[in-house]
Amino acid sequence: MGRQIIEVAVLESKLNFEYLKYLSETSDKKAILEQLMVAYGKDVWNYAYSMTRKWDQADDITQEVFLKVYRNLYTFRSESSVKTWILTITRNMTLDYRRAAFYRKVTLMDFLAPSAEAPSTEQEVMNRLATNDLWRMVLKLPAKYREVLILFAHYELSMKEMAQVLGVTEGTVKSRLFHARNKMKKIKESQSDGADR
């Protein structure tokens, strides 16, 4: 019963963010941020994880995204949906994070660290997350194709919204989606060929 109430509240909050374009200095930013975190927190984390493939980095990015949302609540202009706005911030934060020296050092250390025979905790978690074959295939794709598939299939964004999030034209989105689907088809075929042998 409690879970149903929360799900209804999340659904209602996703639909009722029209008031954000009418915010004033007297609006309760903390309460609004809390509503946004409940409505979109999981989406932000999942999107950040899909781009970085690391839990801890997805956690850090999610925190940074909502700090930025808090700081910029009054600048939301309703040119896109709240979801598109937040996912755009998430994408930009993730790209910034990946460019940072810290990310390069951590990634280099992950690459150089000797691997023991037992899988690392991170690897175990990733294996549990990637329980279905389709998700594993999507994670094998290059970032630009993985990203467009996740925005299309998981977040159900329109071509226009995906173009806004990615900062590219709708034609580029369509092209990436076409190529992503073809790459998925090839991965599926190669896996089924390997299974037949």
C-alpha atoms as a PDB file:
ATOM      1  CA  MET A   1       0.000   0.000   0.000  1.00  0.00           C
ATOM      2  CA  GLY A   2       2.791   2.458   0.963  1.00  0.00           C
ATOM      3  CA  ARG A   3       4.698   1.636  -2.217  1.00  0.00           C
ATOM      4  CA  GLN A   4       1.621   2.384  -4.338  1.00  0.00           C
ATOM      5  CA  ILE A   5       1.233   5.778  -2.683  1.00  0.00           C
ATOM      6  CA  ILE A   6       4.876   6.608  -3.408  1.00  0.00           C
ATOM      7  CA  GLU A   7       4.520   5.469  -7.044  1.00  0.00           C
ATOM      8  CA  VAL A   8       1.386   7.599  -7.473  1.00  0.00           C
ATOM      9  CA  ALA A   9       3.183  10.566  -5.893  1.00  0.00           C
ATOM     10  CA  VAL A  10       6.150  10.099  -8.254  1.00  0.00           C
ATOM     11  CA  LEU A  11       3.844   9.854 -11.270  1.00  0.00           C
ATOM     12  CA  GLU A  12       1.895  12.946 -10.212  1.00  0.00           C
ATOM     13  CA  SER A  13       5.077  14.909  -9.509  1.00  0.00           C
ATOM     14  CA  LYS A  14       6.480  14.087 -12.964  1.00  0.00           C
ATOM     15  CA  LEU A  15       3.347  15.478 -14.539  1.00  0.00           C
ATOM     16  CA  ASN A  16       3.006  18.641 -12.442  1.00  0.00           C
ATOM     17  CA  PHE A  17       6.255  20.558 -12.829  1.00  0.00           C
ATOM     18  CA  GLU A  18       4.663  23.282 -14.962  1.00  0.00           C
ATOM     19  CA  TYR A  19       4.872  25.622 -11.984  1.00  0.00           C
ATOM     20  CA  LEU A  20       8.690  25.708 -12.256  1.00  0.00           C
ATOM     21  CA  LYS A  21       8.500  28.415 -14.902  1.00  0.00           C
ATOM     22  CA  TYR A  22       6.681  30.644 -12.398  1.00  0.00           C
ATOM     23  CA  LEU A  23       9.145  30.349  -9.511  1.00  0.00           C
ATOM     24  CA  SER A  24      10.044  33.401  -7.496  1.00  0.00           C
ATOM     25  CA  GLU A  25      12.638  34.141  -4.842  1.00  0.00           C
ATOM     26  CA  THR A  26      10.073  33.209  -2.173  1.00  0.00           C
ATOM     27  CA  SER A  27       9.541  29.673  -3.531  1.00  0.00           C
ATOM     28  CA  ASP A  28      10.703  26.810  -1.329  1.00  0.00           C
ATOM     29  CA  LYS A  29      13.681  25.557  -3.344  1.00  0.00           C
ATOM     30  CA  LYS A  30      14.423  22.717  -0.933  1.00  0.00           C
ATOM     31  CA  ALA A  31      10.919  21.272  -1.223  1.00  0.00           C
ATOM     32  CA  ILE A  32      11.016  21.588  -5.000  1.00  0.00           C
ATOM     33  CA  LEU A  33      14.421  19.903  -5.130  1.00  0.00           C
ATOM     34  CA  GLU A  34      13.124  17.064  -2.982  1.00  0.00           C
ATOM     35  CA  GLN A  35      10.209  16.551  -5.379  1.00  0.00           C
ATOM     36  CA  LEU A  36      12.566  16.545  -8.356  1.00  0.00           C
ATOM     37  CA  MET A  37      14.890  14.060  -6.642  1.00  0.00           C
ATOM     38  CA  VAL A  38      11.988  11.701  -5.920  1.00  0.00           C
ATOM     39  CA  ALA A  39      10.672  12.023  -9.470  1.00  0.00           C
ATOM     40  CA  TYR A  40      13.971  11.862 -11.376  1.00  0.00           C
ATOM     41  CA  GLY A  41      16.686  10.637  -9.019  1.00  0.00           C
ATOM     42  CA  LYS A  42      16.608   7.091 -10.304  1.00  0.00           C
ATOM     43  CA  ASP A  43      16.627   8.261 -13.934  1.00  0.00           C
ATOM     44  CA  VAL A  44      19.622  10.517 -13.314  1.00  0.00           C
ATOM     45  CA  TRP A  45      21.588   7.769 -11.574  1.00  0.00           C
ATOM     46  CA  ASN A  46      20.768   5.174 -14.243  1.00  0.00           C
ATOM     47  CA  TYR A  47      21.748   7.536 -17.046  1.00  0.00           C
ATOM     48  CA  ALA A  48      25.020   8.473 -15.333  1.00  0.00           C
ATOM     49  CA  TYR A  49      25.758   4.792 -14.695  1.00  0.00           C
ATOM     50  CA  SER A  50      25.021   3.887 -18.309  1.00  0.00           C
ATOM     51  CA  MET A  51      27.598   6.444 -19.435  1.00  0.00           C
ATOM     52  CA  THR A  52      30.316   5.683 -16.858  1.00  0.00           C
ATOM     53  CA  ARG A  53      29.617   2.039 -15.983  1.00  0.00           C
ATOM     54  CA  LYS A  54      30.779   2.752 -12.427  1.00  0.00           C
ATOM     55  CA  TRP A  55      28.506   2.898  -9.369  1.00  0.00           C
ATOM     56  CA  ASP A  56      30.582   5.365  -7.369  1.00  0.00           C
ATOM     57  CA  GLN A  57      30.908   7.766 -10.282  1.00  0.00           C
ATOM     58  CA  ALA A  58      27.159   7.571 -10.946  1.00  0.00           C
ATOM     59  CA  ASP A  59      26.588   8.429  -7.257  1.00  0.00           C
ATOM     60  CA  ASP A  60      28.925  11.441  -7.451  1.00  0.00           C
ATOM     61  CA  ILE A  61      27.434  12.678 -10.710  1.00  0.00           C
ATOM     62  CA  THR A  62      23.883  12.323  -9.371  1.00  0.00           C
ATOM     63  CA  GLN A  63      24.764  14.474  -6.373  1.00  0.00           C
ATOM     64  CA  GLU A  64      26.385  17.085  -8.594  1.00  0.00           C
ATOM     65  CA  VAL A  65      23.398  17.129 -10.955  1.00  0.00           C
ATOM     66  CA  PHE A  66      20.929  17.873  -8.182  1.00  0.00           C
ATOM     67  CA  LEU A  67      23.223  20.529  -6.715  1.00  0.00           C
ATOM     68  CA  LYS A  68      23.275  22.189 -10.120  1.00  0.00           C
ATOM     69  CA  VAL A  69      19.497  21.844 -10.441  1.00  0.00           C
ATOM     70  CA  TYR A  70      19.107  23.474  -7.006  1.00  0.00           C
ATOM     71  CA  ARG A  71      21.391  26.367  -7.957  1.00  0.00           C
ATOM     72  CA  ASN A  72      19.652  26.879 -11.303  1.00  0.00           C
ATOM     73  CA  LEU A  73      15.987  26.321 -10.446  1.00  0.00           C
ATOM     74  CA  TYR A  74      15.123  29.933 -11.245  1.00  0.00           C
ATOM     75  CA  THR A  75      16.753  29.689 -14.679  1.00  0.00           C
ATOM     76  CA  PHE A  76      14.494  26.878 -15.943  1.00  0.00           C
ATOM     77  CA  ARG A  77      12.725  28.384 -18.961  1.00  0.00           C
ATOM     78  CA  SER A  78      10.357  25.548 -19.971  1.00  0.00           C
ATOM     79  CA  GLU A  79      11.895  25.376 -23.450  1.00  0.00           C
ATOM     80  CA  SER A  80      11.978  21.634 -22.864  1.00  0.00           C
ATOM     81  CA  SER A  81      10.422  19.282 -20.349  1.00  0.00           C
ATOM     82  CA  VAL A  82      11.847  19.107 -16.832  1.00  0.00           C
ATOM     83  CA  LYS A  83      12.985  15.555 -17.594  1.00  0.00           C
ATOM     84  CA  THR A  84      14.874  16.685 -20.705  1.00  0.00           C
ATOM     85  CA  TRP A  85      16.446  19.570 -18.767  1.00  0.00           C
ATOM     86  CA  ILE A  86      17.627  17.286 -15.950  1.00  0.00           C
ATOM     87  CA  LEU A  87      18.911  14.583 -18.316  1.00  0.00           C
ATOM     88  CA  THR A  88      20.813  17.256 -20.275  1.00  0.00           C
ATOM     89  CA  ILE A  89      22.456  18.421 -17.054  1.00  0.00           C
ATOM     90  CA  THR A  90      23.247  14.772 -16.258  1.00  0.00           C
ATOM     91  CA  ARG A  91      24.866  14.203 -19.636  1.00  0.00           C
ATOM     92  CA  ASN A  92      26.936  17.392 -19.411  1.00  0.00           C
ATOM     93  CA  MET A  93      28.029  16.596 -15.840  1.00  0.00           C
ATOM     94  CA  THR A  94      29.046  13.095 -16.902  1.00  0.00           C
ATOM     95  CA  LEU A  95      31.046  14.401 -19.851  1.00  0.00           C
ATOM     96  CA  ASP A  96      32.739  16.979 -17.591  1.00  0.00           C
ATOM     97  CA  TYR A  97      33.474  14.282 -15.017  1.00  0.00           C
ATOM     98  CA  ARG A  98      35.028  12.048 -17.657  1.00  0.00           C
ATOM     99  CA  ARG A  99      37.229  14.885 -18.887  1.00  0.00           C
ATOM    100  CA  ALA A 100      38.497  15.655 -15.408  1.00  0.00           C
ATOM    101  CA  ALA A 101      41.992  14.591 -14.408  1.00  0.00           C
ATOM    102  CA  PHE A 102      40.562  12.617 -11.501  1.00  0.00           C
ATOM    103  CA  TYR A 103      38.554  10.413 -13.840  1.00  0.00           C
ATOM    104  CA  ARG A 104      41.566   9.791 -16.066  1.00  0.00           C
ATOM    105  CA  LYS A 105      43.700   8.847 -13.044  1.00  0.00           C
ATOM    106  CA  VAL A 106      41.092   6.524 -11.555  1.00  0.00           C
ATOM    107  CA  THR A 107      40.467   4.870 -14.919  1.00  0.00           C
ATOM    108  CA  LEU A 108      44.199   4.456 -15.466  1.00  0.00           C
ATOM    109  CA  MET A 109      44.579   2.928 -12.009  1.00  0.00           C
ATOM    110  CA  ASP A 110      41.687   0.546 -12.729  1.00  0.00           C
ATOM    111  CA  PHE A 111      43.447  -0.448 -15.940  1.00  0.00           C
ATOM    112  CA  LEU A 112      46.845  -0.919 -14.295  1.00  0.00           C
ATOM    113  CA  ALA A 113      45.626  -2.682 -11.152  1.00  0.00           C
ATOM    114  CA  PRO A 114      46.498  -6.362 -11.236  1.00  0.00           C
ATOM    115  CA  SER A 115      43.467  -8.561 -11.565  1.00  0.00           C
ATOM    116  CA  ALA A 116      43.122 -11.459  -9.198  1.00  0.00           C
ATOM    117  CA  GLU A 117      41.371 -14.668 -10.176  1.00  0.00           C
ATOM    118  CA  ALA A 118      38.279 -13.737  -8.168  1.00  0.00           C
ATOM    119  CA  PRO A 119      36.163 -10.983  -9.735  1.00  0.00           C
ATOM    120  CA  SER A 120      36.252  -7.618  -8.023  1.00  0.00           C
ATOM    121  CA  THR A 121      33.247  -6.366  -6.084  1.00  0.00           C
ATOM    122  CA  GLU A 122      32.629  -3.868  -8.843  1.00  0.00           C
ATOM    123  CA  GLN A 123      32.673  -6.663 -11.424  1.00  0.00           C
ATOM    124  CA  GLU A 124      30.247  -8.739  -9.354  1.00  0.00           C
ATOM    125  CA  VAL A 125      27.871  -5.788  -9.089  1.00  0.00           C
ATOM    126  CA  MET A 126      28.101  -5.122 -12.820  1.00  0.00           C
ATOM    127  CA  ASN A 127      27.444  -8.796 -13.528  1.00  0.00           C
ATOM    128  CA  ARG A 128      24.355  -8.727 -11.331  1.00  0.00           C
ATOM    129  CA  LEU A 129      23.147  -5.547 -13.028  1.00  0.00           C
ATOM    130  CA  ALA A 130      23.717  -7.000 -16.461  1.00  0.00           C
ATOM    131  CA  THR A 131      21.542 -10.035 -15.867  1.00  0.00           C
ATOM    132  CA  ASN A 132      19.681  -9.866 -19.101  1.00  0.00           C
ATOM    133  CA  ASP A 133      21.475 -10.302 -22.400  1.00  0.00           C
ATOM    134  CA  LEU A 134      19.983  -7.218 -23.995  1.00  0.00           C
ATOM    135  CA  TRP A 135      21.404  -4.928 -21.298  1.00  0.00           C
ATOM    136  CA  ARG A 136      24.835  -6.540 -21.727  1.00  0.00           C
ATOM    137  CA  MET A 137      24.676  -5.919 -25.458  1.00  0.00           C
ATOM    138  CA  VAL A 138      23.690  -2.273 -24.983  1.00  0.00           C
ATOM    139  CA  LEU A 139      26.627  -1.750 -22.597  1.00  0.00           C
ATOM    140  CA  LYS A 140      29.004  -3.123 -25.264  1.00  0.00           C
ATOM    141  CA  LEU A 141      28.047  -0.386 -27.709  1.00  0.00           C
ATOM    142  CA  PRO A 142      30.170   2.751 -28.119  1.00  0.00           C
ATOM    143  CA  ALA A 143      28.940   5.593 -25.900  1.00  0.00           C
ATOM    144  CA  LYS A 144      27.203   7.597 -28.639  1.00  0.00           C
ATOM    145  CA  TYR A 145      25.082   4.597 -29.657  1.00  0.00           C
ATOM    146  CA  ARG A 146      24.505   3.323 -26.120  1.00  0.00           C
ATOM    147  CA  GLU A 147      23.354   6.773 -25.064  1.00  0.00           C
ATOM    148  CA  VAL A 148      20.811   7.208 -27.855  1.00  0.00           C
ATOM    149  CA  LEU A 149      19.343   3.724 -27.302  1.00  0.00           C
ATOM    150  CA  ILE A 150      18.935   4.327 -23.570  1.00  0.00           C
ATOM    151  CA  LEU A 151      17.298   7.728 -24.097  1.00  0.00           C
ATOM    152  CA  PHE A 152      14.946   6.226 -26.689  1.00  0.00           C
ATOM    153  CA  ALA A 153      14.045   2.884 -25.119  1.00  0.00           C
ATOM    154  CA  HIS A 154      14.381   3.495 -21.393  1.00  0.00           C
ATOM    155  CA  TYR A 155      13.500   7.174 -21.017  1.00  0.00           C
ATOM    156  CA  GLU A 156      11.115   7.230 -24.013  1.00  0.00           C
ATOM    157  CA  LEU A 157      12.281  10.646 -25.190  1.00  0.00           C
ATOM    158  CA  SER A 158      11.171  11.976 -28.559  1.00  0.00           C
ATOM    159  CA  MET A 159      13.719  12.598 -31.322  1.00  0.00           C
ATOM    160  CA  LYS A 160      13.547  16.322 -30.549  1.00  0.00           C
ATOM    161  CA  GLU A 161      14.138  15.767 -26.815  1.00  0.00           C
ATOM    162  CA  MET A 162      17.042  13.399 -27.502  1.00  0.00           C
ATOM    163  CA  ALA A 163      18.573  16.006 -29.816  1.00  0.00           C
ATOM    164  CA  GLN A 164      18.300  18.584 -27.012  1.00  0.00           C
ATOM    165  CA  VAL A 165      19.872  16.283 -24.425  1.00  0.00           C
ATOM    166  CA  LEU A 166      22.713  15.247 -26.740  1.00  0.00           C
ATOM    167  CA  GLY A 167      23.264  18.692 -28.244  1.00  0.00           C
ATOM    168  CA  VAL A 168      22.987  17.409 -31.822  1.00  0.00           C
ATOM    169  CA  THR A 169      20.454  17.661 -34.645  1.00  0.00           C
ATOM    170  CA  GLU A 170      17.441  15.369 -34.951  1.00  0.00           C
ATOM    171  CA  GLY A 171      19.006  13.931 -38.107  1.00  0.00           C
ATOM    172  CA  THR A 172      22.089  12.927 -36.120  1.00  0.00           C
ATOM    173  CA  VAL A 173      19.871  11.294 -33.490  1.00  0.00           C
ATOM    174  CA  LYS A 174      18.049   9.307 -36.184  1.00  0.00           C
ATOM    175  CA  SER A 175      21.345   8.257 -37.732  1.00  0.00           C
ATOM    176  CA  ARG A 176      22.817   7.166 -34.389  1.00  0.00           C
ATOM    177  CA  LEU A 177      19.647   5.257 -33.541  1.00  0.00           C
ATOM    178  CA  PHE A 178      19.759   3.484 -36.912  1.00  0.00           C
ATOM    179  CA  HIS A 179      23.436   2.555 -36.446  1.00  0.00           C
ATOM    180  CA  ALA A 180      22.861   1.511 -32.822  1.00  0.00           C
ATOM    181  CA  ARG A 181      20.087  -0.857 -33.878  1.00  0.00           C
ATOM    182  CA  ASN A 182      22.314  -2.326 -36.607  1.00  0.00           C
ATOM    183  CA  LYS A 183      25.173  -2.819 -34.141  1.00  0.00           C
ATOM    184  CA  MET A 184      22.787  -4.516 -31.704  1.00  0.00           C
ATOM    185  CA  LYS A 185      21.622  -6.808 -34.496  1.00  0.00           C
ATOM    186  CA  LYS A 186      25.248  -7.730 -35.338  1.00  0.00           C
ATOM    187  CA  ILE A 187      26.083  -8.394 -31.677  1.00  0.00           C
ATOM    188  CA  LYS A 188      22.992 -10.604 -31.380  1.00  0.00           C
ATOM    189  CA  GLU A 189      23.927 -12.511 -34.534  1.00  0.00           C
ATOM    190  CA  SER A 190      27.520 -13.031 -33.418  1.00  0.00           C
ATOM    191  CA  GLN A 191      26.342 -14.301 -30.038  1.00  0.00           C
ATOM    192  CA  SER A 192      23.856 -16.687 -31.602  1.00  0.00           C
ATOM    193  CA  ASP A 193      26.548 -17.925 -34.038  1.00  0.00           C
ATOM    194  CA  GLY A 194      28.867 -18.578 -31.093  1.00  0.00           C
ATOM    195  CA  ALA A 195      26.112 -20.411 -29.211  1.00  0.00           C
ATOM    196  CA  ASP A 196      25.395 -22.661 -32.206  1.00  0.00           C
ATOM    197  CA  ARG A 197      28.950 -23.972 -32.289  1.00  0.00           C
END
